[in-house]
C-alpha atoms as a PDB file:
ATOM      1  CA  MET A   1      83.109 115.760 109.192  1.00  0.00           C
ATOM      2  CA  GLY A   2      85.133 112.738 109.712  1.00  0.00           C
ATOM      3  CA  LYS A   3      88.199 111.007 108.690  1.00  0.00           C
ATOM      4  CA  ILE A   4      88.508 107.137 107.310  1.00  0.00           C
ATOM      5  CA  THR A   5      91.867 105.948 107.075  1.00  0.00           C
ATOM      6  CA  LEU A   6      93.038 102.942 105.365  1.00  0.00           C
ATOM      7  CA  GLU A   7      96.580 101.964 106.720  1.00  0.00           C
ATOM      8  CA  GLY A   8      99.382  99.848 105.668  1.00  0.00           C
ATOM      9  CA  MET A   9      97.637  98.408 102.137  1.00  0.00           C
ATOM     10  CA  GLU A  10     100.257  96.178 101.136  1.00  0.00           C
ATOM     11  CA  PHE A  11     100.598  95.293  97.378  1.00  0.00           C
ATOM     12  CA  PHE A  12     103.174  93.601  95.278  1.00  0.00           C
ATOM     13  CA  ALA A  13     103.394  95.678  91.807  1.00  0.00           C
ATOM     14  CA  TYR A  14     106.027  96.491  89.236  1.00  0.00           C
ATOM     15  CA  HIS A  15     106.687 100.091  89.470  1.00  0.00           C
ATOM     16  CA  GLY A  16     109.867 101.747  88.562  1.00  0.00           C
ATOM     17  CA  CYS A  17     112.225 103.425  86.313  1.00  0.00           C
ATOM     18  CA  PHE A  18     114.550 100.568  85.957  1.00  0.00           C
ATOM     19  CA  LYS A  19     113.561  97.550  83.546  1.00  0.00           C
ATOM     20  CA  GLU A  20     114.336  95.114  86.398  1.00  0.00           C
ATOM     21  CA  GLU A  21     111.777  96.983  88.695  1.00  0.00           C
ATOM     22  CA  GLN A  22     109.256  96.287  85.976  1.00  0.00           C
ATOM     23  CA  LEU A  23     110.076  92.779  85.515  1.00  0.00           C
ATOM     24  CA  ILE A  24     110.656  91.635  88.969  1.00  0.00           C
ATOM     25  CA  GLY A  25     108.482  93.909  90.928  1.00  0.00           C
ATOM     26  CA  THR A  26     108.533  94.963  94.665  1.00  0.00           C
ATOM     27  CA  ARG A  27     106.372  95.577  97.665  1.00  0.00           C
ATOM     28  CA  PHE A  28     104.468  98.729  98.353  1.00  0.00           C
ATOM     29  CA  ILE A  29     102.645 100.142 101.144  1.00  0.00           C
ATOM     30  CA  VAL A  30      99.721 102.756 100.576  1.00  0.00           C
ATOM     31  CA  ASP A  31      98.305 104.794 103.506  1.00  0.00           C
ATOM     32  CA  LEU A  32      95.126 106.592 102.654  1.00  0.00           C
ATOM     33  CA  THR A  33      93.103 109.248 104.611  1.00  0.00           C
ATOM     34  CA  VAL A  34      89.885 110.481 103.302  1.00  0.00           C
ATOM     35  CA  GLU A  35      87.593 113.258 104.902  1.00  0.00           C
ATOM     36  CA  THR A  36      83.782 113.080 104.251  1.00  0.00           C
ATOM     37  CA  ASP A  37      80.676 113.937 106.025  1.00  0.00           C
ATOM     38  CA  THR A  38      79.926 111.209 108.393  1.00  0.00           C
ATOM     39  CA  ASN A  39      76.820 112.814 110.166  1.00  0.00           C
ATOM     40  CA  ALA A  40      74.222 110.486 108.839  1.00  0.00           C
ATOM     41  CA  ALA A  41      76.301 107.543 109.174  1.00  0.00           C
ATOM     42  CA  GLU A  42      77.022 108.401 112.970  1.00  0.00           C
ATOM     43  CA  LEU A  43      73.354 108.705 113.457  1.00  0.00           C
ATOM     44  CA  SER A  44      71.879 105.553 111.172  1.00  0.00           C
ATOM     45  CA  ASP A  45      74.495 102.937 111.674  1.00  0.00           C
ATOM     46  CA  HIS A  46      74.143 102.134 107.991  1.00  0.00           C
ATOM     47  CA  LEU A  47      76.719 101.551 105.401  1.00  0.00           C
ATOM     48  CA  HIS A  48      74.967 103.609 102.585  1.00  0.00           C
ATOM     49  CA  ASP A  49      75.324 106.678 104.830  1.00  0.00           C
ATOM     50  CA  THR A  50      79.308 106.394 104.523  1.00  0.00           C
ATOM     51  CA  LEU A  51      82.204 105.785 102.436  1.00  0.00           C
ATOM     52  CA  ASN A  52      82.887 101.952 102.161  1.00  0.00           C
ATOM     53  CA  TYR A  53      86.400 101.367 102.666  1.00  0.00           C
ATOM     54  CA  VAL A  54      86.131  97.950 101.050  1.00  0.00           C
ATOM     55  CA  ALA A  55      85.233 100.117  97.844  1.00  0.00           C
ATOM     56  CA  LEU A  56      88.206 102.560  98.609  1.00  0.00           C
ATOM     57  CA  TYR A  57      90.488  99.528  98.871  1.00  0.00           C
ATOM     58  CA  HIS A  58      89.521  98.306  95.478  1.00  0.00           C
ATOM     59  CA  ALA A  59      89.943 101.626  93.926  1.00  0.00           C
ATOM     60  CA  VAL A  60      93.413 101.734  95.336  1.00  0.00           C
ATOM     61  CA  LYS A  61      94.448  98.086  94.183  1.00  0.00           C
ATOM     62  CA  THR A  62      93.073  98.551  90.703  1.00  0.00           C
ATOM     63  CA  GLU A  63      95.669 101.616  90.076  1.00  0.00           C
ATOM     64  CA  MET A  64      98.423  99.658  91.848  1.00  0.00           C
ATOM     65  CA  GLU A  65      97.875  96.890  89.329  1.00  0.00           C
ATOM     66  CA  GLN A  66      99.016  99.171  86.496  1.00  0.00           C
ATOM     67  CA  LYS A  67     102.428  99.998  85.928  1.00  0.00           C
ATOM     68  CA  SER A  68     104.199 103.305  86.433  1.00  0.00           C
ATOM     69  CA  HIS A  69     107.700 104.766  86.686  1.00  0.00           C
ATOM     70  CA  LEU A  70     107.098 107.122  89.172  1.00  0.00           C
ATOM     71  CA  LEU A  71     105.466 106.844  92.687  1.00  0.00           C
ATOM     72  CA  GLU A  72     104.024 110.714  91.955  1.00  0.00           C
ATOM     73  CA  HIS A  73     102.235 109.125  88.714  1.00  0.00           C
ATOM     74  CA  ILE A  74     100.604 106.289  90.504  1.00  0.00           C
ATOM     75  CA  SER A  75      99.411 108.677  93.369  1.00  0.00           C
ATOM     76  CA  ARG A  76      97.830 111.171  90.543  1.00  0.00           C
ATOM     77  CA  ARG A  77      96.076 108.054  89.264  1.00  0.00           C
ATOM     78  CA  ILE A  78      94.941 106.879  92.679  1.00  0.00           C
ATOM     79  CA  ILE A  79      93.702 110.354  93.598  1.00  0.00           C
ATOM     80  CA  ASP A  80      91.916 110.675  90.403  1.00  0.00           C
ATOM     81  CA  SER A  81      90.309 107.564  90.639  1.00  0.00           C
ATOM     82  CA  ILE A  82      89.181 107.992  94.233  1.00  0.00           C
ATOM     83  CA  CYS A  83      87.788 111.840  93.608  1.00  0.00           C
ATOM     84  CA  ASN A  84      85.747 110.394  90.394  1.00  0.00           C
ATOM     85  CA  GLN A  85      84.188 107.223  92.281  1.00  0.00           C
ATOM     86  CA  PHE A  86      83.554 108.919  95.806  1.00  0.00           C
ATOM     87  CA  PRO A  87      82.299 112.851  95.137  1.00  0.00           C
ATOM     88  CA  GLY A  88      81.616 113.050  98.759  1.00  0.00           C
ATOM     89  CA  ILE A  89      85.325 113.346  99.928  1.00  0.00           C
ATOM     90  CA  THR A  90      86.341 116.942 100.493  1.00  0.00           C
ATOM     91  CA  CYS A  91      89.958 116.083 101.002  1.00  0.00           C
ATOM     92  CA  LEU A  92      92.585 113.360 101.214  1.00  0.00           C
ATOM     93  CA  GLU A  93      96.056 112.351 101.859  1.00  0.00           C
ATOM     94  CA  LEU A  94      97.695 109.585 100.269  1.00  0.00           C
ATOM     95  CA  LYS A  95     101.284 108.096 101.054  1.00  0.00           C
ATOM     96  CA  VAL A  96     102.902 105.670  98.549  1.00  0.00           C
ATOM     97  CA  SER A  97     106.129 103.714  99.771  1.00  0.00           C
ATOM     98  CA  LYS A  98     108.097 101.611  97.681  1.00  0.00           C
ATOM     99  CA  LEU A  99     109.985  99.030 100.010  1.00  0.00           C
ATOM    100  CA  ASN A 100     113.712  97.960  99.546  1.00  0.00           C
ATOM    101  CA  PRO A 101     114.089 100.706  96.632  1.00  0.00           C
ATOM    102  CA  PRO A 102     117.245  99.950  94.284  1.00  0.00           C
ATOM    103  CA  VAL A 103     119.355 102.888  95.818  1.00  0.00           C
ATOM    104  CA  GLY A 104     122.766 101.115  95.861  1.00  0.00           C
ATOM    105  CA  GLY A 105     122.575 100.855  99.633  1.00  0.00           C
ATOM    106  CA  LYS A 106     120.435  99.672 102.515  1.00  0.00           C
ATOM    107  CA  MET A 107     117.256 101.612 102.846  1.00  0.00           C
ATOM    108  CA  LYS A 108     113.815 100.496 104.411  1.00  0.00           C
ATOM    109  CA  GLN A 109     111.377 102.635 101.886  1.00  0.00           C
ATOM    110  CA  VAL A 110     111.185 105.581  99.965  1.00  0.00           C
ATOM    111  CA  SER A 111     107.771 107.339 100.165  1.00  0.00           C
ATOM    112  CA  TYR A 112     105.688 110.068  98.179  1.00  0.00           C
ATOM    113  CA  THR A 113     102.804 112.027  99.952  1.00  0.00           C
ATOM    114  CA  THR A 114     100.380 114.418  98.608  1.00  0.00           C
ATOM    115  CA  GLN A 115      97.105 115.872  99.425  1.00  0.00           C
ATOM    116  CA  TRP A 116      93.894 116.838  97.478  1.00  0.00           C
ATOM    117  CA  PRO A 117      93.315 119.547  97.009  1.00  0.00           C
ATOM    118  CA  GLU A 118      96.446 120.601  96.787  1.00  0.00           C
ATOM    119  CA  ASN A 119      96.234 123.691  98.984  1.00  0.00           C
ATOM    120  CA  HIS A 120      94.211 121.979 101.807  1.00  0.00           C
END
């Protein structure tokens, strides 16, 4: 088993509960770690024996392009998409961060982190 981590994927998107957030958008950072059997790739040095991180990135990007109100909802969509496209994944951890959230004060970011399966 091995872990593949995509760190600091940055997207400009229109997620949020406020109408202004859905109109003007903001920046989001997504971190994804997936666990899968990497034994074949370790021996073969062939891309088809592992998870292609470019394809993982595009799965995240596709879901980030769809508007949502909540970080929890975005996260569930990303997890569902990845699990459907990459059945070799045994578990994953996902963190979605909204930069400069509209909280009425200065804050770097707010984040939501989840795992699949949930009891892992």
